[in-house]
Amino acid sequence: MNKGLNYTDIEKLRGIKILYEDDFYEYAKVVIKIMDGYGMYQREQGEYIGTARPTVYGVARKFASTANLYFSGKYVLDILKKHGFTGKEVLNIEGLG
């Protein structure tokens, strides 16, 4: 891991509610799995350049975009800040099944 980045375990997202309990955690897992799947695709194409991990802010933007009829990325990030996140944290998924 890059020592200059602020990593946080994805499990710390449990208990956060945007629309329903743990929705942000569940969404983050899907985003990471899609990113990993794309990484496997890149490897198959001989274009793989490394494993990408999203920031909390990046997932918040994607979450808001998915539900863009309801609220903005700022709204989601404001909720996350109430849970102690800055948005700059890189999600660590050690042990994610």
PDB file of N, CA and C in Angstrom:
ATOM      1  N   MET A   1       0.829  -1.192   0.000  1.00  0.00           N
ATOM      2  CA  MET A   1       0.000   0.000   0.000  1.00  0.00           C
ATOM      3  C   MET A   1       0.866   1.245   0.000  1.00  0.00           C
ATOM      4  N   ASN A   2       0.384   2.271  -0.631  1.00  0.00           N
ATOM      5  CA  ASN A   2       1.080   3.545  -0.655  1.00  0.00           C
ATOM      6  C   ASN A   2       0.956   4.198   0.719  1.00  0.00           C
ATOM      7  N   LYS A   3       2.093   4.461   1.350  1.00  0.00           N
ATOM      8  CA  LYS A   3       2.094   5.016   2.709  1.00  0.00           C
ATOM      9  C   LYS A   3       1.575   6.451   2.759  1.00  0.00           C
ATOM     10  N   GLY A   4       1.594   7.169   1.655  1.00  0.00           N
ATOM     11  CA  GLY A   4       1.133   8.549   1.643  1.00  0.00           C
ATOM     12  C   GLY A   4      -0.376   8.698   1.616  1.00  0.00           C
ATOM     13  N   LEU A   5      -1.081   7.597   1.396  1.00  0.00           N
ATOM     14  CA  LEU A   5      -2.531   7.647   1.314  1.00  0.00           C
ATOM     15  C   LEU A   5      -3.162   7.213   2.631  1.00  0.00           C
ATOM     16  N   ASN A   6      -4.348   7.697   2.898  1.00  0.00           N
ATOM     17  CA  ASN A   6      -5.082   7.362   4.110  1.00  0.00           C
ATOM     18  C   ASN A   6      -6.053   6.225   3.790  1.00  0.00           C
ATOM     19  N   TYR A   7      -5.673   5.014   4.148  1.00  0.00           N
ATOM     20  CA  TYR A   7      -6.523   3.849   3.901  1.00  0.00           C
ATOM     21  C   TYR A   7      -7.465   3.630   5.068  1.00  0.00           C
ATOM     22  N   THR A   8      -8.665   3.176   4.753  1.00  0.00           N
ATOM     23  CA  THR A   8      -9.624   2.803   5.784  1.00  0.00           C
ATOM     24  C   THR A   8     -10.296   1.508   5.353  1.00  0.00           C
ATOM     25  N   ASP A   9     -10.600   0.671   6.309  1.00  0.00           N
ATOM     26  CA  ASP A   9     -11.230  -0.604   6.003  1.00  0.00           C
ATOM     27  C   ASP A   9     -12.690  -0.381   5.609  1.00  0.00           C
ATOM     28  N   ILE A  10     -13.108  -1.085   4.594  1.00  0.00           N
ATOM     29  CA  ILE A  10     -14.484  -0.941   4.100  1.00  0.00           C
ATOM     30  C   ILE A  10     -15.512  -1.269   5.182  1.00  0.00           C
ATOM     31  N   GLU A  11     -15.126  -2.096   6.141  1.00  0.00           N
ATOM     32  CA  GLU A  11     -16.050  -2.461   7.223  1.00  0.00           C
ATOM     33  C   GLU A  11     -16.491  -1.240   8.035  1.00  0.00           C
ATOM     34  N   LYS A  12     -15.697  -0.180   8.020  1.00  0.00           N
ATOM     35  CA  LYS A  12     -16.064   1.039   8.752  1.00  0.00           C
ATOM     36  C   LYS A  12     -17.262   1.741   8.130  1.00  0.00           C
ATOM     37  N   LEU A  13     -17.656   1.310   6.935  1.00  0.00           N
ATOM     38  CA  LEU A  13     -18.835   1.886   6.284  1.00  0.00           C
ATOM     39  C   LEU A  13     -20.128   1.254   6.777  1.00  0.00           C
ATOM     40  N   ARG A  14     -20.005   0.146   7.493  1.00  0.00           N
ATOM     41  CA  ARG A  14     -21.219  -0.506   8.023  1.00  0.00           C
ATOM     42  C   ARG A  14     -21.946   0.442   8.970  1.00  0.00           C
ATOM     43  N   GLY A  15     -23.251   0.394   8.908  1.00  0.00           N
ATOM     44  CA  GLY A  15     -24.070   1.213   9.788  1.00  0.00           C
ATOM     45  C   GLY A  15     -24.433   2.573   9.215  1.00  0.00           C
ATOM     46  N   ILE A  16     -23.831   2.924   8.087  1.00  0.00           N
ATOM     47  CA  ILE A  16     -24.169   4.211   7.469  1.00  0.00           C
ATOM     48  C   ILE A  16     -25.431   4.036   6.637  1.00  0.00           C
ATOM     49  N   LYS A  17     -26.330   4.977   6.778  1.00  0.00           N
ATOM     50  CA  LYS A  17     -27.608   4.933   6.061  1.00  0.00           C
ATOM     51  C   LYS A  17     -27.739   6.192   5.208  1.00  0.00           C
ATOM     52  N   ILE A  18     -27.833   5.994   3.903  1.00  0.00           N
ATOM     53  CA  ILE A  18     -28.199   7.091   3.009  1.00  0.00           C
ATOM     54  C   ILE A  18     -29.701   6.964   2.750  1.00  0.00           C
ATOM     55  N   LEU A  19     -30.107   5.799   2.252  1.00  0.00           N
ATOM     56  CA  LEU A  19     -31.529   5.509   2.052  1.00  0.00           C
ATOM     57  C   LEU A  19     -32.011   4.384   2.966  1.00  0.00           C
ATOM     58  N   TYR A  20     -31.131   3.421   3.230  1.00  0.00           N
ATOM     59  CA  TYR A  20     -31.459   2.328   4.155  1.00  0.00           C
ATOM     60  C   TYR A  20     -30.159   1.845   4.804  1.00  0.00           C
ATOM     61  N   GLU A  21     -30.268   1.170   5.922  1.00  0.00           N
ATOM     62  CA  GLU A  21     -29.111   0.729   6.700  1.00  0.00           C
ATOM     63  C   GLU A  21     -28.118  -0.059   5.847  1.00  0.00           C
ATOM     64  N   ASP A  22     -26.867   0.317   5.928  1.00  0.00           N
ATOM     65  CA  ASP A  22     -25.748  -0.339   5.240  1.00  0.00           C
ATOM     66  C   ASP A  22     -25.759  -0.186   3.719  1.00  0.00           C
ATOM     67  N   ASP A  23     -26.596   0.701   3.183  1.00  0.00           N
ATOM     68  CA  ASP A  23     -26.646   0.834   1.725  1.00  0.00           C
ATOM     69  C   ASP A  23     -25.324   1.318   1.143  1.00  0.00           C
ATOM     70  N   PHE A  24     -24.657   2.236   1.825  1.00  0.00           N
ATOM     71  CA  PHE A  24     -23.389   2.746   1.293  1.00  0.00           C
ATOM     72  C   PHE A  24     -22.312   1.663   1.321  1.00  0.00           C
ATOM     73  N   TYR A  25     -22.273   0.872   2.371  1.00  0.00           N
ATOM     74  CA  TYR A  25     -21.337  -0.252   2.476  1.00  0.00           C
ATOM     75  C   TYR A  25     -21.566  -1.249   1.343  1.00  0.00           C
ATOM     76  N   GLU A  26     -22.824  -1.628   1.136  1.00  0.00           N
ATOM     77  CA  GLU A  26     -23.156  -2.586   0.081  1.00  0.00           C
ATOM     78  C   GLU A  26     -22.790  -2.032  -1.293  1.00  0.00           C
ATOM     79  N   TYR A  27     -23.069  -0.768  -1.511  1.00  0.00           N
ATOM     80  CA  TYR A  27     -22.753  -0.138  -2.787  1.00  0.00           C
ATOM     81  C   TYR A  27     -21.240  -0.102  -3.003  1.00  0.00           C
ATOM     82  N   ALA A  28     -20.492   0.250  -1.966  1.00  0.00           N
ATOM     83  CA  ALA A  28     -19.026   0.299  -2.074  1.00  0.00           C
ATOM     84  C   ALA A  28     -18.470  -1.071  -2.444  1.00  0.00           C
ATOM     85  N   LYS A  29     -19.026  -2.137  -1.868  1.00  0.00           N
ATOM     86  CA  LYS A  29     -18.567  -3.488  -2.212  1.00  0.00           C
ATOM     87  C   LYS A  29     -18.775  -3.766  -3.693  1.00  0.00           C
ATOM     88  N   VAL A  30     -19.917  -3.385  -4.226  1.00  0.00           N
ATOM     89  CA  VAL A  30     -20.204  -3.605  -5.644  1.00  0.00           C
ATOM     90  C   VAL A  30     -19.235  -2.806  -6.515  1.00  0.00           C
ATOM     91  N   VAL A  31     -18.996  -1.549  -6.159  1.00  0.00           N
ATOM     92  CA  VAL A  31     -18.070  -0.713  -6.932  1.00  0.00           C
ATOM     93  C   VAL A  31     -16.692  -1.361  -6.967  1.00  0.00           C
ATOM     94  N   ILE A  32     -16.207  -1.819  -5.819  1.00  0.00           N
ATOM     95  CA  ILE A  32     -14.882  -2.431  -5.749  1.00  0.00           C
ATOM     96  C   ILE A  32     -14.838  -3.731  -6.547  1.00  0.00           C
ATOM     97  N   LYS A  33     -15.884  -4.536  -6.455  1.00  0.00           N
ATOM     98  CA  LYS A  33     -15.912  -5.783  -7.219  1.00  0.00           C
ATOM     99  C   LYS A  33     -15.917  -5.505  -8.723  1.00  0.00           C
ATOM    100  N   ILE A  34     -16.620  -4.472  -9.145  1.00  0.00           N
ATOM    101  CA  ILE A  34     -16.614  -4.104 -10.564  1.00  0.00           C
ATOM    102  C   ILE A  34     -15.223  -3.640 -10.973  1.00  0.00           C
ATOM    103  N   MET A  35     -14.576  -2.844 -10.131  1.00  0.00           N
ATOM    104  CA  MET A  35     -13.217  -2.384 -10.430  1.00  0.00           C
ATOM    105  C   MET A  35     -12.262  -3.574 -10.534  1.00  0.00           C
ATOM    106  N   ASP A  36     -12.408  -4.537  -9.632  1.00  0.00           N
ATOM    107  CA  ASP A  36     -11.564  -5.736  -9.687  1.00  0.00           C
ATOM    108  C   ASP A  36     -11.850  -6.549 -10.945  1.00  0.00           C
ATOM    109  N   GLY A  37     -13.123  -6.665 -11.304  1.00  0.00           N
ATOM    110  CA  GLY A  37     -13.489  -7.373 -12.528  1.00  0.00           C
ATOM    111  C   GLY A  37     -12.892  -6.715 -13.755  1.00  0.00           C
ATOM    112  N   TYR A  38     -12.902  -5.394 -13.769  1.00  0.00           N
ATOM    113  CA  TYR A  38     -12.297  -4.675 -14.888  1.00  0.00           C
ATOM    114  C   TYR A  38     -10.788  -4.902 -14.913  1.00  0.00           C
ATOM    115  N   GLY A  39     -10.180  -4.976 -13.731  1.00  0.00           N
ATOM    116  CA  GLY A  39      -8.753  -5.281 -13.652  1.00  0.00           C
ATOM    117  C   GLY A  39      -8.443  -6.646 -14.242  1.00  0.00           C
ATOM    118  N   MET A  40      -9.305  -7.634 -13.977  1.00  0.00           N
ATOM    119  CA  MET A  40      -9.114  -8.969 -14.575  1.00  0.00           C
ATOM    120  C   MET A  40      -9.249  -8.896 -16.088  1.00  0.00           C
ATOM    121  N   TYR A  41     -10.220  -8.132 -16.560  1.00  0.00           N
ATOM    122  CA  TYR A  41     -10.389  -7.939 -17.995  1.00  0.00           C
ATOM    123  C   TYR A  41      -9.130  -7.322 -18.601  1.00  0.00           C
ATOM    124  N   GLN A  42      -8.590  -6.292 -17.940  1.00  0.00           N
ATOM    125  CA  GLN A  42      -7.367  -5.642 -18.431  1.00  0.00           C
ATOM    126  C   GLN A  42      -6.211  -6.643 -18.518  1.00  0.00           C
ATOM    127  N   ARG A  43      -6.071  -7.487 -17.482  1.00  0.00           N
ATOM    128  CA  ARG A  43      -5.002  -8.490 -17.505  1.00  0.00           C
ATOM    129  C   ARG A  43      -5.160  -9.410 -18.700  1.00  0.00           C
ATOM    130  N   GLU A  44      -6.379  -9.823 -18.971  1.00  0.00           N
ATOM    131  CA  GLU A  44      -6.639 -10.701 -20.113  1.00  0.00           C
ATOM    132  C   GLU A  44      -6.268 -10.028 -21.429  1.00  0.00           C
ATOM    133  N   GLN A  45      -6.405  -8.713 -21.485  1.00  0.00           N
ATOM    134  CA  GLN A  45      -6.085  -7.956 -22.696  1.00  0.00           C
ATOM    135  C   GLN A  45      -4.621  -7.548 -22.741  1.00  0.00           C
ATOM    136  N   GLY A  46      -3.864  -7.852 -21.684  1.00  0.00           N
ATOM    137  CA  GLY A  46      -2.464  -7.465 -21.615  1.00  0.00           C
ATOM    138  C   GLY A  46      -2.269  -5.986 -21.325  1.00  0.00           C
ATOM    139  N   GLU A  47      -3.266  -5.334 -20.740  1.00  0.00           N
ATOM    140  CA  GLU A  47      -3.218  -3.893 -20.496  1.00  0.00           C
ATOM    141  C   GLU A  47      -3.237  -3.540 -19.010  1.00  0.00           C
ATOM    142  N   TYR A  48      -3.098  -4.499 -18.154  1.00  0.00           N
ATOM    143  CA  TYR A  48      -3.252  -4.269 -16.716  1.00  0.00           C
ATOM    144  C   TYR A  48      -2.146  -3.373 -16.184  1.00  0.00           C
ATOM    145  N   ILE A  49      -2.521  -2.317 -15.454  1.00  0.00           N
ATOM    146  CA  ILE A  49      -1.522  -1.392 -14.918  1.00  0.00           C
ATOM    147  C   ILE A  49      -1.528  -1.348 -13.396  1.00  0.00           C
ATOM    148  N   GLY A  50      -2.338  -2.145 -12.737  1.00  0.00           N
ATOM    149  CA  GLY A  50      -2.355  -2.178 -11.271  1.00  0.00           C
ATOM    150  C   GLY A  50      -3.762  -2.208 -10.729  1.00  0.00           C
ATOM    151  N   THR A  51      -3.859  -2.427  -9.442  1.00  0.00           N
ATOM    152  CA  THR A  51      -5.150  -2.490  -8.770  1.00  0.00           C
ATOM    153  C   THR A  51      -5.584  -1.097  -8.358  1.00  0.00           C
ATOM    154  N   ALA A  52      -6.775  -0.725  -8.750  1.00  0.00           N
ATOM    155  CA  ALA A  52      -7.323   0.589  -8.400  1.00  0.00           C
ATOM    156  C   ALA A  52      -8.245   0.442  -7.194  1.00  0.00           C
ATOM    157  N   ARG A  53      -8.190   1.394  -6.310  1.00  0.00           N
ATOM    158  CA  ARG A  53      -9.078   1.438  -5.161  1.00  0.00           C
ATOM    159  C   ARG A  53      -9.716   2.809  -5.101  1.00  0.00           C
ATOM    160  N   PRO A  54     -11.030   2.857  -4.880  1.00  0.00           N
ATOM    161  CA  PRO A  54     -11.716   4.151  -4.838  1.00  0.00           C
ATOM    162  C   PRO A  54     -11.557   4.844  -3.492  1.00  0.00           C
ATOM    163  N   THR A  55     -11.736   6.137  -3.511  1.00  0.00           N
ATOM    164  CA  THR A  55     -11.822   6.888  -2.261  1.00  0.00           C
ATOM    165  C   THR A  55     -13.277   6.877  -1.802  1.00  0.00           C
ATOM    166  N   VAL A  56     -13.476   7.226  -0.544  1.00  0.00           N
ATOM    167  CA  VAL A  56     -14.840   7.358  -0.022  1.00  0.00           C
ATOM    168  C   VAL A  56     -15.591   8.402  -0.848  1.00  0.00           C
ATOM    169  N   TYR A  57     -14.916   9.500  -1.188  1.00  0.00           N
ATOM    170  CA  TYR A  57     -15.537  10.548  -2.002  1.00  0.00           C
ATOM    171  C   TYR A  57     -15.951  10.005  -3.375  1.00  0.00           C
ATOM    172  N   GLY A  58     -15.073   9.215  -3.986  1.00  0.00           N
ATOM    173  CA  GLY A  58     -15.389   8.647  -5.295  1.00  0.00           C
ATOM    174  C   GLY A  58     -16.623   7.764  -5.256  1.00  0.00           C
ATOM    175  N   VAL A  59     -16.731   6.944  -4.216  1.00  0.00           N
ATOM    176  CA  VAL A  59     -17.911   6.082  -4.083  1.00  0.00           C
ATOM    177  C   VAL A  59     -19.149   6.933  -3.785  1.00  0.00           C
ATOM    178  N   ALA A  60     -18.989   7.995  -2.991  1.00  0.00           N
ATOM    179  CA  ALA A  60     -20.124   8.884  -2.693  1.00  0.00           C
ATOM    180  C   ALA A  60     -20.664   9.511  -3.979  1.00  0.00           C
ATOM    181  N   ARG A  61     -19.758   9.942  -4.860  1.00  0.00           N
ATOM    182  CA  ARG A  61     -20.187  10.526  -6.141  1.00  0.00           C
ATOM    183  C   ARG A  61     -20.921   9.500  -6.992  1.00  0.00           C
ATOM    184  N   LYS A  62     -20.391   8.285  -7.045  1.00  0.00           N
ATOM    185  CA  LYS A  62     -21.037   7.225  -7.827  1.00  0.00           C
ATOM    186  C   LYS A  62     -22.411   6.883  -7.244  1.00  0.00           C
ATOM    187  N   PHE A  63     -22.493   6.814  -5.917  1.00  0.00           N
ATOM    188  CA  PHE A  63     -23.761   6.513  -5.257  1.00  0.00           C
ATOM    189  C   PHE A  63     -24.799   7.567  -5.608  1.00  0.00           C
ATOM    190  N   ALA A  64     -24.415   8.829  -5.478  1.00  0.00           N
ATOM    191  CA  ALA A  64     -25.336   9.919  -5.790  1.00  0.00           C
ATOM    192  C   ALA A  64     -25.726   9.898  -7.259  1.00  0.00           C
ATOM    193  N   SER A  65     -24.785   9.570  -8.130  1.00  0.00           N
ATOM    194  CA  SER A  65     -25.063   9.506  -9.561  1.00  0.00           C
ATOM    195  C   SER A  65     -26.067   8.403  -9.865  1.00  0.00           C
ATOM    196  N   THR A  66     -25.950   7.292  -9.166  1.00  0.00           N
ATOM    197  CA  THR A  66     -26.876   6.180  -9.368  1.00  0.00           C
ATOM    198  C   THR A  66     -28.296   6.588  -8.978  1.00  0.00           C
ATOM    199  N   ALA A  67     -28.404   7.410  -7.948  1.00  0.00           N
ATOM    200  CA  ALA A  67     -29.716   7.847  -7.465  1.00  0.00           C
ATOM    201  C   ALA A  67     -29.913   9.339  -7.717  1.00  0.00           C
ATOM    202  N   ASN A  68     -29.450   9.822  -8.863  1.00  0.00           N
ATOM    203  CA  ASN A  68     -29.391  11.266  -9.111  1.00  0.00           C
ATOM    204  C   ASN A  68     -30.739  11.975  -9.108  1.00  0.00           C
ATOM    205  N   LEU A  69     -31.813  11.264  -9.111  1.00  0.00           N
ATOM    206  CA  LEU A  69     -33.114  11.923  -9.030  1.00  0.00           C
ATOM    207  C   LEU A  69     -33.416  12.373  -7.613  1.00  0.00           C
ATOM    208  N   TYR A  70     -32.628  11.912  -6.656  1.00  0.00           N
ATOM    209  CA  TYR A  70     -32.955  12.130  -5.258  1.00  0.00           C
ATOM    210  C   TYR A  70     -32.047  13.119  -4.541  1.00  0.00           C
ATOM    211  N   PHE A  71     -30.738  13.058  -4.791  1.00  0.00           N
ATOM    212  CA  PHE A  71     -29.819  13.916  -4.051  1.00  0.00           C
ATOM    213  C   PHE A  71     -28.473  14.031  -4.749  1.00  0.00           C
ATOM    214  N   SER A  72     -27.656  14.961  -4.266  1.00  0.00           N
ATOM    215  CA  SER A  72     -26.357  15.235  -4.870  1.00  0.00           C
ATOM    216  C   SER A  72     -25.241  14.474  -4.165  1.00  0.00           C
ATOM    217  N   GLY A  73     -24.065  14.489  -4.773  1.00  0.00           N
ATOM    218  CA  GLY A  73     -22.884  13.902  -4.150  1.00  0.00           C
ATOM    219  C   GLY A  73     -22.552  14.598  -2.844  1.00  0.00           C
ATOM    220  N   LYS A  74     -22.775  15.908  -2.787  1.00  0.00           N
ATOM    221  CA  LYS A  74     -22.517  16.664  -1.560  1.00  0.00           C
ATOM    222  C   LYS A  74     -23.406  16.164  -0.422  1.00  0.00           C
ATOM    223  N   TYR A  75     -24.641  15.859  -0.713  1.00  0.00           N
ATOM    224  CA  TYR A  75     -25.554  15.331   0.305  1.00  0.00           C
ATOM    225  C   TYR A  75     -25.010  14.030   0.885  1.00  0.00           C
ATOM    226  N   VAL A  76     -24.561  13.132   0.019  1.00  0.00           N
ATOM    227  CA  VAL A  76     -24.007  11.848   0.478  1.00  0.00           C
ATOM    228  C   VAL A  76     -22.740  12.101   1.289  1.00  0.00           C
ATOM    229  N   LEU A  77     -21.853  12.949   0.797  1.00  0.00           N
ATOM    230  CA  LEU A  77     -20.610  13.238   1.502  1.00  0.00           C
ATOM    231  C   LEU A  77     -20.883  13.886   2.858  1.00  0.00           C
ATOM    232  N   ASP A  78     -21.878  14.743   2.948  1.00  0.00           N
ATOM    233  CA  ASP A  78     -22.234  15.354   4.238  1.00  0.00           C
ATOM    234  C   ASP A  78     -22.637  14.292   5.258  1.00  0.00           C
ATOM    235  N   ILE A  79     -23.371  13.285   4.831  1.00  0.00           N
ATOM    236  CA  ILE A  79     -23.740  12.186   5.729  1.00  0.00           C
ATOM    237  C   ILE A  79     -22.490  11.422   6.165  1.00  0.00           C
ATOM    238  N   LEU A  80     -21.599  11.164   5.217  1.00  0.00           N
ATOM    239  CA  LEU A  80     -20.367  10.444   5.541  1.00  0.00           C
ATOM    240  C   LEU A  80     -19.494  11.241   6.504  1.00  0.00           C
ATOM    241  N   LYS A  81     -19.464  12.554   6.357  1.00  0.00           N
ATOM    242  CA  LYS A  81     -18.677  13.390   7.268  1.00  0.00           C
ATOM    243  C   LYS A  81     -19.211  13.300   8.687  1.00  0.00           C
ATOM    244  N   LYS A  82     -20.518  13.150   8.841  1.00  0.00           N
ATOM    245  CA  LYS A  82     -21.104  12.978  10.179  1.00  0.00           C
ATOM    246  C   LYS A  82     -20.634  11.678  10.829  1.00  0.00           C
ATOM    247  N   HIS A  83     -20.156  10.748  10.012  1.00  0.00           N
ATOM    248  CA  HIS A  83     -19.632   9.475  10.512  1.00  0.00           C
ATOM    249  C   HIS A  83     -18.106   9.501  10.616  1.00  0.00           C
ATOM    250  N   GLY A  84     -17.517  10.683  10.462  1.00  0.00           N
ATOM    251  CA  GLY A  84     -16.089  10.846  10.668  1.00  0.00           C
ATOM    252  C   GLY A  84     -15.206  10.711   9.438  1.00  0.00           C
ATOM    253  N   PHE A  85     -15.790  10.601   8.264  1.00  0.00           N
ATOM    254  CA  PHE A  85     -15.001  10.488   7.032  1.00  0.00           C
ATOM    255  C   PHE A  85     -14.741  11.859   6.434  1.00  0.00           C
ATOM    256  N   THR A  86     -13.578  12.004   5.806  1.00  0.00           N
ATOM    257  CA  THR A  86     -13.269  13.245   5.103  1.00  0.00           C
ATOM    258  C   THR A  86     -13.616  13.125   3.625  1.00  0.00           C
ATOM    259  N   GLY A  87     -13.656  11.899   3.142  1.00  0.00           N
ATOM    260  CA  GLY A  87     -13.874  11.647   1.716  1.00  0.00           C
ATOM    261  C   GLY A  87     -12.594  11.262   1.020  1.00  0.00           C
ATOM    262  N   LYS A  88     -11.454  11.570   1.626  1.00  0.00           N
ATOM    263  CA  LYS A  88     -10.156  11.296   1.017  1.00  0.00           C
ATOM    264  C   LYS A  88      -9.652   9.873   1.294  1.00  0.00           C
ATOM    265  N   GLU A  89     -10.316   9.165   2.174  1.00  0.00           N
ATOM    266  CA  GLU A  89      -9.873   7.825   2.542  1.00  0.00           C
ATOM    267  C   GLU A  89      -9.967   6.874   1.337  1.00  0.00           C
ATOM    268  N   VAL A  90      -8.943   6.072   1.174  1.00  0.00           N
ATOM    269  CA  VAL A  90      -8.938   5.037   0.137  1.00  0.00           C
ATOM    270  C   VAL A  90      -9.471   3.774   0.791  1.00  0.00           C
ATOM    271  N   LEU A  91     -10.432   3.136   0.131  1.00  0.00           N
ATOM    272  CA  LEU A  91     -11.049   1.949   0.731  1.00  0.00           C
ATOM    273  C   LEU A  91     -10.143   0.734   0.611  1.00  0.00           C
ATOM    274  N   ASN A  92      -9.852   0.142   1.731  1.00  0.00           N
ATOM    275  CA  ASN A  92      -9.059  -1.067   1.836  1.00  0.00           C
ATOM    276  C   ASN A  92     -10.038  -2.231   1.962  1.00  0.00           C
ATOM    277  N   ILE A  93      -9.832  -3.271   1.181  1.00  0.00           N
ATOM    278  CA  ILE A  93     -10.769  -4.383   1.190  1.00  0.00           C
ATOM    279  C   ILE A  93     -10.112  -5.691   1.582  1.00  0.00           C
ATOM    280  N   GLU A  94      -9.093  -5.640   2.442  1.00  0.00           N
ATOM    281  CA  GLU A  94      -8.469  -6.868   2.891  1.00  0.00           C
ATOM    282  C   GLU A  94      -9.549  -7.773   3.471  1.00  0.00           C
ATOM    283  N   GLY A  95      -9.616  -8.981   2.959  1.00  0.00           N
ATOM    284  CA  GLY A  95     -10.561  -9.956   3.493  1.00  0.00           C
ATOM    285  C   GLY A  95     -11.981  -9.822   2.981  1.00  0.00           C
ATOM    286  N   LEU A  96     -12.244  -8.905   2.049  1.00  0.00           N
ATOM    287  CA  LEU A  96     -13.597  -8.780   1.520  1.00  0.00           C
ATOM    288  C   LEU A  96     -13.925  -9.997   0.697  1.00  0.00           C
ATOM    289  N   GLY A  97     -15.023 -10.645   1.019  1.00  0.00           N
ATOM    290  CA  GLY A  97     -15.408 -11.868   0.298  1.00  0.00           C
ATOM    291  C   GLY A  97     -16.319 -11.622  -0.846  1.00  0.00           C
TER     292      GLY A  97
END
